């Protein structure tokens, strides 16, 4: 017992912790949580006003940034820089392709993939852009395409900029710390992490992480609660929401405590297998032909309207782009640095071409399979009259509709259990990655070959559960999603600097 106490004290000693970052991070979490709980209505009003102003003023910037990220990554991938190997040309990859892709995919996606993939198309069918008639065959195809677009290549390209910038800096300069500010090393700032500007960037990272973490898990809890309520035949109420949240926090706390190899890697491997199994079953027991047809139509429209979808809202106001595409790009921007720090840690020995193609191809393919199979299945329910998905969405809400879709499947209880399990593990693998990275972030010294102390990783797993708890108690999930865009705003000004740092690092002799 005494030894354990001594170990915990050593973890939080001055030698190990950057207390400026550590304390400021805690203050931010507590302040945001207190603000939401103390005066919920005022918080909702202020957050809503901030959201609307950011969309109106900076919405086109998010769209332009995404286009730039996509073409910049293509340039890096197919130029001579694609052969650049992280850690040196003779460095061997630490993880197998399967495990690496699994961790990359799971850390970058989270539970949002399961939450949105089966239902998202239903939001678009009645409000299609580009002059397409609502409710027409074309509107269904475009609705599928927009799901593939929002979770596809452009989205993963947003992750690419910080992932490459951090990976290059971390291994090239053999840094003893893993922080967002390190991504700017290529601009000539030798000790950028200790500078005022560097600390400001790292503080922005923490704010964004807290907002993104709280916003996403706060949105997923209602769906999981609906699933557990249905499976266990118990009342769906606030107590169940808190119990589900506690389960999720406990799981990703245990995972991150176990470490990168024993916890996060194994959980990512398991989730990848379960996700593939779930999709195979849905494709097999569902109307296979209709699923394939809807998927094919969506892919065709994704290619056909790719540029139009990418630029909608830049030159003229678009309610559709503001409500959906800009929100999604802000979501990816908010998670970008967080995912990037984790990707940097697991990608030693990979070339830039492997890293870019891994994100753009395997990342997109994973999300597309969910949207094409689960989304295609739910769309067939609407088209055949088996389940009025669009009406259910309007009357019952997103969470209940997602569960209702699974309930139409053969072996519905088993499929619902599997559905909830995949969601929980997706949330867990995403949030244990967050805890892992923040633990790195608040240390003065980090070792490429050694994970942060497990007590520190566990501490941040618990802290990241505080804001979601506040949002669950508040029970207004629009606030959760609005927080994501608000906290992402400062990052859109850092992204161009990271791209410039990448270019300079790769062209230095």
Protein backbone atom coordinates (compact mmCIF):
# COMPACT_ATOMS: atom_id res chain seq x y z
CA UNK A 1 0.00 0.00 0.00
CA UNK A 2 2.78 2.38 0.97
CA UNK A 3 4.67 1.51 -2.18
CA UNK A 4 1.59 2.22 -4.30
CA UNK A 5 1.05 5.61 -2.66
CA UNK A 6 4.69 6.47 -3.26
CA UNK A 7 4.30 5.46 -6.92
CA UNK A 8 1.26 7.71 -7.34
CA UNK A 9 3.06 10.64 -5.74
CA UNK A 10 6.02 10.09 -8.06
CA UNK A 11 3.69 10.18 -11.07
CA UNK A 12 2.42 13.59 -10.06
CA UNK A 13 5.81 14.97 -9.01
CA UNK A 14 7.24 18.18 -10.39
CA UNK A 15 9.84 16.19 -12.31
CA UNK A 16 7.23 14.41 -14.37
CA UNK A 17 4.44 16.94 -14.82
CA UNK A 18 4.30 20.20 -16.71
CA UNK A 19 2.13 21.92 -14.14
CA UNK A 20 1.28 24.89 -16.34
CA UNK A 21 -0.41 22.61 -18.85
CA UNK A 22 -1.72 20.23 -16.19
CA UNK A 23 -3.43 22.82 -14.00
CA UNK A 24 -4.76 24.89 -16.90
CA UNK A 25 -6.30 21.74 -18.35
CA UNK A 26 -8.10 20.91 -15.13
CA UNK A 27 -9.31 24.49 -14.75
CA UNK A 28 -10.77 24.42 -18.27
CA UNK A 29 -12.63 21.13 -17.68
CA UNK A 30 -14.05 22.28 -14.35
CA UNK A 31 -14.97 25.74 -15.68
CA UNK A 32 -16.86 24.45 -18.72
CA UNK A 33 -18.65 21.83 -16.64
CA UNK A 34 -19.60 24.34 -13.94
CA UNK A 35 -20.81 26.81 -16.55
CA UNK A 36 -23.15 24.24 -18.11
CA UNK A 37 -24.51 22.94 -14.81
CA UNK A 38 -24.83 26.26 -12.97
CA UNK A 39 -26.98 28.05 -15.53
CA UNK A 40 -28.00 25.62 -18.26
CA UNK A 41 -30.26 27.99 -20.19
CA UNK A 42 -27.69 30.78 -20.29
CA UNK A 43 -25.05 28.27 -21.36
CA UNK A 44 -27.30 27.02 -24.16
CA UNK A 45 -28.02 30.57 -25.36
CA UNK A 46 -24.38 31.69 -25.34
CA UNK A 47 -23.13 28.50 -26.97
CA UNK A 48 -25.86 28.77 -29.63
CA UNK A 49 -24.98 32.40 -30.43
CA UNK A 50 -21.27 31.54 -30.69
CA UNK A 51 -22.07 28.61 -32.97
CA UNK A 52 -24.18 30.71 -35.36
CA UNK A 53 -21.58 33.49 -35.57
CA UNK A 54 -18.72 31.09 -36.22
CA UNK A 55 -20.65 29.35 -39.01
CA UNK A 56 -21.61 32.65 -40.64
CA UNK A 57 -18.13 34.17 -40.48
CA UNK A 58 -15.74 31.23 -40.73
CA UNK A 59 -17.84 28.58 -42.46
CA UNK A 60 -16.15 29.05 -45.86
CA UNK A 61 -12.73 28.80 -44.16
CA UNK A 62 -13.52 25.26 -42.98
CA UNK A 63 -14.52 24.30 -46.53
CA UNK A 64 -11.38 25.80 -48.11
CA UNK A 65 -9.14 24.21 -45.46
CA UNK A 66 -10.58 20.77 -46.22
CA UNK A 67 -10.00 21.12 -49.96
CA UNK A 68 -6.44 22.31 -49.32
CA UNK A 69 -5.76 19.36 -46.96
CA UNK A 70 -6.93 16.86 -49.56
CA UNK A 71 -4.73 18.15 -52.38
CA UNK A 72 -1.74 18.74 -50.09
CA UNK A 73 -1.83 15.10 -48.96
CA UNK A 74 -2.09 13.90 -52.55
CA UNK A 75 1.03 15.94 -53.37
CA UNK A 76 2.97 14.47 -50.42
CA UNK A 77 1.86 10.93 -51.20
CA UNK A 78 2.84 10.82 -54.86
CA UNK A 79 5.91 13.03 -54.73
CA UNK A 80 9.39 11.92 -53.67
CA UNK A 81 8.39 12.81 -50.11
CA UNK A 82 6.15 9.75 -50.00
CA UNK A 83 9.22 7.58 -49.36
CA UNK A 84 10.13 9.49 -46.19
CA UNK A 85 10.18 6.96 -43.33
CA UNK A 86 9.31 8.02 -39.78
CA UNK A 87 12.20 7.24 -37.45
CA UNK A 88 14.78 6.77 -40.22
CA UNK A 89 15.03 4.76 -43.42
CA UNK A 90 16.05 1.57 -41.60
CA UNK A 91 13.38 1.80 -38.93
CA UNK A 92 11.09 -1.25 -38.58
CA UNK A 93 7.38 -0.73 -37.92
CA UNK A 94 6.37 -1.37 -34.32
CA UNK A 95 2.93 -2.85 -35.10
CA UNK A 96 1.57 -5.19 -37.77
CA UNK A 97 -0.53 -3.70 -40.59
CA UNK A 98 -3.72 -5.15 -39.12
CA UNK A 99 -3.13 -3.75 -35.64
CA UNK A 100 -1.85 -0.44 -36.97
CA UNK A 101 -4.85 0.05 -39.25
CA UNK A 102 -7.18 -1.05 -36.45
CA UNK A 103 -5.78 1.48 -33.97
CA UNK A 104 -5.64 4.20 -36.63
CA UNK A 105 -9.24 3.60 -37.65
CA UNK A 106 -10.73 3.16 -34.18
CA UNK A 107 -8.93 6.15 -32.66
CA UNK A 108 -10.06 8.36 -35.55
CA UNK A 109 -13.71 7.35 -35.65
CA UNK A 110 -15.18 6.64 -32.25
CA UNK A 111 -18.85 5.84 -31.67
CA UNK A 112 -20.03 8.47 -34.15
CA UNK A 113 -19.73 6.01 -37.03
CA UNK A 114 -22.29 3.65 -35.53
CA UNK A 115 -24.43 6.53 -34.29
CA UNK A 116 -24.76 8.21 -37.71
CA UNK A 117 -24.26 5.56 -40.38
CA UNK A 118 -27.70 3.99 -40.22
CA UNK A 119 -29.72 7.19 -39.94
CA UNK A 120 -27.83 10.11 -41.50
CA UNK A 121 -29.27 9.67 -45.01
CA UNK A 122 -32.79 10.25 -43.59
CA UNK A 123 -31.88 13.84 -42.69
CA UNK A 124 -30.97 14.64 -46.31
CA UNK A 125 -33.71 13.05 -48.43
CA UNK A 126 -36.23 15.86 -47.95
CA UNK A 127 -33.72 18.75 -48.24
CA UNK A 128 -31.31 17.84 -51.08
CA UNK A 129 -29.19 20.62 -52.61
CA UNK A 130 -28.29 21.11 -56.29
CA UNK A 131 -31.93 21.42 -57.39
CA UNK A 132 -32.72 17.72 -56.85
CA UNK A 133 -36.39 16.99 -56.10
CA UNK A 134 -37.00 16.00 -52.44
CA UNK A 135 -37.99 12.38 -51.97
CA UNK A 136 -36.98 11.39 -55.51
CA UNK A 137 -34.73 8.49 -56.48
CA UNK A 138 -31.93 11.01 -57.03
CA UNK A 139 -32.42 12.47 -53.53
CA UNK A 140 -31.95 9.00 -51.99
CA UNK A 141 -28.75 8.48 -54.00
CA UNK A 142 -27.43 11.92 -53.02
CA UNK A 143 -28.35 11.27 -49.38
CA UNK A 144 -26.14 8.17 -49.41
CA UNK A 145 -23.40 10.10 -51.20
CA UNK A 146 -23.37 12.81 -48.55
CA UNK A 147 -22.81 10.23 -45.82
CA UNK A 148 -19.86 8.82 -47.77
CA UNK A 149 -18.60 12.35 -48.40
CA UNK A 150 -18.79 13.55 -44.79
CA UNK A 151 -17.00 10.42 -43.51
CA UNK A 152 -14.70 9.77 -46.44
CA UNK A 153 -11.49 10.93 -48.06
CA UNK A 154 -11.89 14.66 -47.39
CA UNK A 155 -12.60 14.02 -43.72
CA UNK A 156 -9.53 11.83 -43.28
CA UNK A 157 -7.45 14.41 -45.16
CA UNK A 158 -8.18 16.82 -42.31
CA UNK A 159 -6.54 14.35 -39.93
CA UNK A 160 -3.57 14.06 -42.26
CA UNK A 161 -2.06 17.53 -41.80
CA UNK A 162 -1.48 17.38 -38.01
CA UNK A 163 -0.69 13.64 -38.13
CA UNK A 164 2.17 14.13 -40.58
CA UNK A 165 3.42 17.35 -38.98
CA UNK A 166 3.62 15.75 -35.53
CA UNK A 167 5.01 12.43 -36.75
CA UNK A 168 7.86 14.08 -38.64
CA UNK A 169 8.76 16.43 -35.78
CA UNK A 170 8.55 13.74 -33.08
CA UNK A 171 10.98 11.35 -34.76
CA UNK A 172 13.17 13.77 -36.75
CA UNK A 173 14.07 15.90 -33.75
CA UNK A 174 13.98 12.95 -31.31
CA UNK A 175 11.74 14.95 -29.02
CA UNK A 176 11.29 14.05 -25.37
CA UNK A 177 7.74 15.38 -25.44
CA UNK A 178 4.68 14.80 -27.62
CA UNK A 179 2.70 18.04 -27.92
CA UNK A 180 0.76 19.84 -30.62
CA UNK A 181 3.18 22.76 -30.50
CA UNK A 182 5.96 20.36 -31.59
CA UNK A 183 4.34 20.23 -35.03
CA UNK A 184 5.76 23.72 -35.70
CA UNK A 185 9.38 22.70 -35.14
CA UNK A 186 9.98 22.83 -38.87
CA UNK A 187 9.39 26.60 -38.85
CA UNK A 188 12.67 27.10 -37.01
CA UNK A 189 11.43 27.27 -33.42
CA UNK A 190 13.82 24.99 -31.51
CA UNK A 191 12.07 25.18 -28.15
CA UNK A 192 8.59 26.06 -29.32
CA UNK A 193 7.03 23.89 -26.57
CA UNK A 194 8.40 26.19 -23.86
CA UNK A 195 7.54 29.46 -25.60
CA UNK A 196 4.43 31.54 -24.88
CA UNK A 197 3.06 30.80 -28.33
CA UNK A 198 3.73 27.09 -27.95
CA UNK A 199 1.99 26.94 -24.59
CA UNK A 200 -0.98 28.81 -26.07
CA UNK A 201 -1.21 26.24 -28.88
CA UNK A 202 -1.04 23.39 -26.37
CA UNK A 203 -3.76 25.04 -24.28
CA UNK A 204 -5.91 25.33 -27.41
CA UNK A 205 -5.36 21.61 -27.93
CA UNK A 206 -6.62 20.82 -24.44
CA UNK A 207 -9.68 23.05 -24.84
CA UNK A 208 -10.50 21.43 -28.16
CA UNK A 209 -10.01 17.94 -26.76
CA UNK A 210 -12.27 18.59 -23.81
CA UNK A 211 -14.95 20.11 -26.02
CA UNK A 212 -14.75 17.36 -28.62
CA UNK A 213 -14.71 14.61 -26.00
CA UNK A 214 -17.66 16.00 -24.12
CA UNK A 215 -19.61 16.81 -27.26
CA UNK A 216 -19.29 13.39 -28.85
CA UNK A 217 -19.82 11.05 -25.93
CA UNK A 218 -22.61 13.30 -24.68
CA UNK A 219 -24.38 12.66 -28.00
CA UNK A 220 -23.90 8.87 -28.05
CA UNK A 221 -25.12 8.07 -24.55
CA UNK A 222 -28.87 8.42 -25.42
CA UNK A 223 -28.58 5.80 -28.18
CA UNK A 224 -26.73 3.37 -25.94
CA UNK A 225 -29.28 3.94 -23.18
CA UNK A 226 -32.12 3.22 -25.61
CA UNK A 227 -30.37 0.00 -26.61
CA UNK A 228 -29.81 -1.17 -23.02
CA UNK A 229 -33.38 -0.19 -22.10
CA UNK A 230 -34.67 -2.34 -24.94
CA UNK A 231 -32.38 -5.32 -24.25
CA UNK A 232 -32.90 -5.37 -20.47
CA UNK A 233 -36.52 -4.18 -20.54
CA UNK A 234 -35.83 -1.37 -18.07
CA UNK A 235 -36.85 2.27 -17.97
CA UNK A 236 -34.83 4.65 -20.10
CA UNK A 237 -34.13 7.58 -17.77
CA UNK A 238 -31.36 9.83 -16.46
CA UNK A 239 -30.12 7.13 -14.07
CA UNK A 240 -29.61 4.73 -16.98
CA UNK A 241 -27.78 7.46 -18.93
CA UNK A 242 -25.39 7.93 -16.00
CA UNK A 243 -24.91 4.17 -15.61
CA UNK A 244 -24.06 3.80 -19.31
CA UNK A 245 -21.67 6.75 -19.08
CA UNK A 246 -20.00 5.18 -16.04
CA UNK A 247 -19.63 1.90 -17.95
CA UNK A 248 -17.97 3.67 -20.91
CA UNK A 249 -15.63 5.70 -18.70
CA UNK A 250 -14.76 2.58 -16.71
CA UNK A 251 -13.96 0.60 -19.85
CA UNK A 252 -11.74 3.18 -21.50
CA UNK A 253 -10.12 3.85 -18.11
CA UNK A 254 -9.28 0.16 -17.80
CA UNK A 255 -8.06 0.03 -21.39
CA UNK A 256 -5.78 3.04 -21.13
CA UNK A 257 -4.51 1.82 -17.72
CA UNK A 258 -3.52 -1.49 -19.35
CA UNK A 259 -1.35 0.37 -21.87
CA UNK A 260 -0.91 0.73 -25.61
CA UNK A 261 -0.06 -2.90 -26.40
CA UNK A 262 -2.16 -4.77 -23.84
CA UNK A 263 -5.17 -2.42 -23.74
CA UNK A 264 -5.69 -0.13 -26.72
CA UNK A 265 -4.18 -2.45 -29.36
CA UNK A 266 -6.16 -5.52 -28.25
CA UNK A 267 -9.40 -3.58 -27.94
CA UNK A 268 -8.92 -2.07 -31.41
CA UNK A 269 -8.25 -5.53 -32.86
CA UNK A 270 -11.40 -6.89 -31.19
CA UNK A 271 -13.54 -4.01 -32.38
CA UNK A 272 -12.35 -4.35 -35.94
CA UNK A 273 -13.30 -8.04 -35.93
CA UNK A 274 -16.71 -7.39 -34.33
CA UNK A 275 -17.46 -4.54 -36.75
CA UNK A 276 -16.65 -6.70 -39.78
CA UNK A 277 -18.76 -9.54 -38.35
CA UNK A 278 -21.71 -7.21 -37.75
CA UNK A 279 -21.61 -5.84 -41.30
CA UNK A 280 -21.30 -9.31 -42.84
CA UNK A 281 -24.37 -10.45 -40.91
CA UNK A 282 -26.40 -7.36 -41.90
CA UNK A 283 -25.44 -7.84 -45.54
CA UNK A 284 -26.31 -11.54 -45.38
CA UNK A 285 -29.66 -11.38 -43.56
CA UNK A 286 -30.83 -8.11 -45.07
CA UNK A 287 -32.10 -7.39 -48.57
CA UNK A 288 -28.65 -7.85 -50.10
CA UNK A 289 -29.60 -6.64 -53.59
CA UNK A 290 -31.21 -3.43 -52.30
CA UNK A 291 -28.22 -2.73 -50.03
CA UNK A 292 -25.76 -3.18 -52.91
CA UNK A 293 -27.93 -1.08 -55.25
CA UNK A 294 -28.25 1.78 -52.76
CA UNK A 295 -24.51 1.62 -52.08
CA UNK A 296 -23.62 1.68 -55.77
CA UNK A 297 -25.93 4.65 -56.42
CA UNK A 298 -24.33 6.48 -53.51
CA UNK A 299 -20.80 5.83 -54.79
CA UNK A 300 -21.73 7.09 -58.27
CA UNK A 301 -23.22 10.28 -56.84
CA UNK A 302 -20.20 10.76 -54.55
CA UNK A 303 -17.93 10.90 -57.60
CA UNK A 304 -20.42 12.91 -59.65
CA UNK A 305 -20.99 15.61 -57.03
CA UNK A 306 -17.67 15.49 -55.16
CA UNK A 307 -16.49 18.94 -56.23
CA UNK A 308 -19.96 20.46 -55.86
CA UNK A 309 -20.28 19.07 -52.33
CA UNK A 310 -16.76 20.27 -51.48
CA UNK A 311 -17.38 23.86 -52.60
CA UNK A 312 -21.04 24.31 -51.62
CA UNK A 313 -21.17 27.25 -49.21
CA UNK A 314 -17.89 28.93 -50.20
CA UNK A 315 -19.07 31.56 -52.66
CA UNK A 316 -22.69 31.75 -51.62
CA UNK A 317 -24.67 31.04 -48.50
CA UNK A 318 -25.98 27.49 -48.19
CA UNK A 319 -28.19 26.42 -45.31
CA UNK A 320 -27.42 22.79 -46.10
CA UNK A 321 -23.65 23.29 -45.98
CA UNK A 322 -23.89 25.30 -42.77
CA UNK A 323 -26.06 22.70 -41.06
CA UNK A 324 -24.07 19.65 -42.16
CA UNK A 325 -20.81 19.92 -44.11
CA UNK A 326 -19.32 22.78 -42.09
CA UNK A 327 -20.34 21.06 -38.86
CA UNK A 328 -18.69 17.85 -39.97
CA UNK A 329 -15.47 19.57 -41.07
CA UNK A 330 -15.35 21.33 -37.69
CA UNK A 331 -15.82 17.96 -36.01
CA UNK A 332 -12.86 16.48 -37.90
CA UNK A 333 -10.73 19.58 -37.28
CA UNK A 334 -11.49 19.38 -33.55
CA UNK A 335 -10.36 15.76 -33.35
CA UNK A 336 -7.50 16.20 -35.85
CA UNK A 337 -4.66 17.11 -33.46
CA UNK A 338 -5.82 14.61 -30.87
CA UNK A 339 -5.89 11.74 -33.34
CA UNK A 340 -2.64 13.03 -34.83
CA UNK A 341 -0.74 12.70 -31.57
CA UNK A 342 -1.88 9.11 -31.23
CA UNK A 343 -1.11 8.30 -34.87
CA UNK A 344 2.37 9.77 -34.41
CA UNK A 345 2.97 7.42 -31.48
CA UNK A 346 1.90 4.26 -33.37
CA UNK A 347 3.38 5.05 -36.82
CA UNK A 348 7.11 4.79 -36.22
CA UNK A 349 8.67 2.91 -39.14
CA UNK A 350 5.90 3.81 -41.61
CA UNK A 351 6.52 5.89 -44.72
CA UNK A 352 4.49 9.02 -45.39
CA UNK A 353 2.90 7.21 -48.34
CA UNK A 354 1.81 4.36 -46.04
CA UNK A 355 0.47 6.84 -43.50
CA UNK A 356 -1.47 8.89 -46.05
CA UNK A 357 -2.90 5.93 -47.93
CA UNK A 358 -3.70 4.19 -44.64
CA UNK A 359 -5.86 7.12 -43.60
CA UNK A 360 -7.38 8.00 -46.97
CA UNK A 361 -8.04 4.43 -48.17
CA UNK A 362 -8.49 2.21 -45.12
CA UNK A 363 -9.99 4.96 -42.98
CA UNK A 364 -12.49 5.89 -45.69
CA UNK A 365 -13.19 2.26 -46.59
CA UNK A 366 -14.06 1.42 -43.00
CA UNK A 367 -16.53 4.27 -42.69
CA UNK A 368 -17.95 3.66 -46.16
CA UNK A 369 -18.72 0.02 -45.38
CA UNK A 370 -20.82 1.08 -42.41
CA UNK A 371 -22.62 3.76 -44.39
CA UNK A 372 -23.18 1.53 -47.40
CA UNK A 373 -24.27 -1.62 -45.54
CA UNK A 374 -26.03 -0.33 -42.42
CA UNK A 375 -27.20 2.84 -44.16
CA UNK A 376 -28.23 0.87 -47.25
CA UNK A 377 -30.17 -1.55 -45.05
CA UNK A 378 -32.08 1.23 -43.25
CA UNK A 379 -32.78 2.99 -46.56
CA UNK A 380 -34.32 -0.24 -47.90
CA UNK A 381 -36.63 -0.28 -44.87
CA UNK A 382 -37.92 3.16 -45.88
CA UNK A 383 -38.23 2.26 -49.57
CA UNK A 384 -40.15 -0.98 -48.91
CA UNK A 385 -42.38 0.45 -46.19
CA UNK A 386 -41.03 -1.98 -43.56
CA UNK A 387 -40.09 0.92 -41.27
CA UNK A 388 -40.76 4.62 -41.81
CA UNK A 389 -37.27 5.75 -40.89
CA UNK A 390 -37.82 9.39 -41.86
CA UNK A 391 -41.07 9.64 -39.87
CA UNK A 392 -39.49 7.82 -36.92
CA UNK A 393 -36.62 10.30 -36.96
CA UNK A 394 -39.07 13.22 -36.75
CA UNK A 395 -41.32 11.65 -34.11
CA UNK A 396 -38.97 9.62 -31.89
CA UNK A 397 -35.58 11.17 -32.49
CA UNK A 398 -32.22 9.87 -33.64
CA UNK A 399 -31.42 7.48 -30.78
CA UNK A 400 -34.72 5.59 -30.80
CA UNK A 401 -34.73 5.39 -34.61
CA UNK A 402 -31.23 3.85 -34.68
CA UNK A 403 -32.37 1.15 -32.23
CA UNK A 404 -35.61 0.57 -34.17
CA UNK A 405 -33.60 -0.11 -37.33
CA UNK A 406 -31.60 -2.85 -35.62
CA UNK A 407 -34.81 -4.31 -34.15
CA UNK A 408 -36.10 -5.05 -37.68
CA UNK A 409 -33.24 -7.50 -38.27
CA UNK A 410 -33.38 -11.27 -37.87
CA UNK A 411 -32.00 -12.37 -34.48
CA UNK A 412 -32.79 -8.81 -33.40
CA UNK A 413 -31.78 -9.14 -29.76
CA UNK A 414 -28.41 -10.66 -30.63
CA UNK A 415 -27.84 -8.00 -33.29
CA UNK A 416 -28.80 -5.23 -30.85
CA UNK A 417 -26.35 -6.55 -28.26
CA UNK A 418 -23.63 -6.67 -30.93
CA UNK A 419 -24.59 -3.18 -32.12
CA UNK A 420 -24.31 -1.72 -28.60
CA UNK A 421 -21.07 -3.61 -27.94
CA UNK A 422 -19.45 -2.20 -31.09
CA UNK A 423 -20.58 1.32 -30.18
CA UNK A 424 -19.18 1.04 -26.65
CA UNK A 425 -15.86 -0.34 -27.88
CA UNK A 426 -15.63 2.37 -30.55
CA UNK A 427 -16.21 4.99 -27.83
CA UNK A 428 -13.70 3.23 -25.59
CA UNK A 429 -10.92 2.98 -28.19
CA UNK A 430 -11.42 6.62 -29.12
CA UNK A 431 -11.40 7.91 -25.56
CA UNK A 432 -8.58 5.77 -24.26
CA UNK A 433 -6.55 7.22 -27.13
CA UNK A 434 -7.52 10.69 -25.86
CA UNK A 435 -6.47 9.84 -22.31
CA UNK A 436 -3.22 8.33 -23.57
CA UNK A 437 -2.36 11.41 -25.62
CA UNK A 438 -3.25 13.96 -22.94
CA UNK A 439 -1.11 12.03 -20.46
CA UNK A 440 1.76 12.45 -22.92
CA UNK A 441 0.82 16.09 -23.36
CA UNK A 442 1.08 17.13 -19.70
CA UNK A 443 4.47 15.52 -19.07
CA UNK A 444 7.67 17.49 -19.25
CA UNK A 445 9.50 14.47 -20.61
CA UNK A 446 8.09 11.70 -22.80
CA UNK A 447 9.86 8.64 -24.12
CA UNK A 448 9.21 7.23 -27.60
CA UNK A 449 9.77 3.77 -26.16
CA UNK A 450 7.79 4.17 -22.93
CA UNK A 451 4.14 4.95 -22.34
CA UNK A 452 3.07 7.62 -19.82
CA UNK A 453 2.59 6.33 -16.27
CA UNK A 454 -0.60 4.30 -16.03
CA UNK A 455 -1.89 6.28 -13.04
CA UNK A 456 -1.63 9.45 -15.09
CA UNK A 457 -3.42 7.81 -18.03
CA UNK A 458 -6.22 6.66 -15.72
CA UNK A 459 -6.52 10.10 -14.17
CA UNK A 460 -7.21 11.71 -17.54
CA UNK A 461 -9.65 8.97 -18.49
CA UNK A 462 -11.71 9.95 -15.44
CA UNK A 463 -11.35 13.69 -16.12
CA UNK A 464 -12.58 13.29 -19.70
CA UNK A 465 -15.75 11.73 -18.29
CA UNK A 466 -16.64 14.85 -16.27
CA UNK A 467 -17.91 17.06 -19.11
CA UNK A 468 -19.98 14.29 -20.74
CA UNK A 469 -21.57 13.72 -17.33
CA UNK A 470 -22.55 17.39 -17.21
CA UNK A 471 -24.04 17.22 -20.70
CA UNK A 472 -25.98 14.06 -19.82
CA UNK A 473 -27.37 15.74 -16.69
CA UNK A 474 -28.27 18.77 -18.77
CA UNK A 475 -29.96 16.51 -21.34
CA UNK A 476 -29.71 18.88 -24.29
CA UNK A 477 -27.49 17.20 -26.84
CA UNK A 478 -27.55 20.12 -29.29
CA UNK A 479 -25.21 21.87 -26.86
CA UNK A 480 -22.88 18.88 -27.08
CA UNK A 481 -22.57 19.11 -30.85
CA UNK A 482 -22.33 22.92 -30.85
CA UNK A 483 -19.34 22.71 -28.50
CA UNK A 484 -17.40 20.77 -31.11
CA UNK A 485 -17.51 23.54 -33.70
CA UNK A 486 -16.81 26.29 -31.18
CA UNK A 487 -13.72 24.65 -29.73
CA UNK A 488 -12.35 23.80 -33.19
CA UNK A 489 -12.20 27.44 -34.35
CA UNK A 490 -8.63 28.30 -33.20
CA UNK A 491 -7.25 25.22 -34.94
CA UNK A 492 -8.16 26.40 -38.46
CA UNK A 493 -5.45 29.07 -38.08
CA UNK A 494 -2.86 26.54 -36.89
CA UNK A 495 -3.41 24.07 -39.75
CA UNK A 496 -1.69 26.24 -42.42
CA UNK A 497 1.32 26.66 -40.12
CA UNK A 498 1.57 22.89 -39.70
CA UNK A 499 1.42 22.41 -43.48
CA UNK A 500 4.25 24.93 -43.92
CA UNK A 501 6.28 23.16 -41.21
CA UNK A 502 5.81 19.85 -43.05
CA UNK A 503 7.01 21.37 -46.31
CA UNK A 504 10.10 22.91 -44.71
CA UNK A 505 10.98 19.77 -42.76
CA UNK A 506 10.83 17.58 -45.86
CA UNK A 507 12.89 19.99 -47.95
CA UNK A 508 15.65 20.53 -45.41
CA UNK A 509 18.96 18.95 -46.36
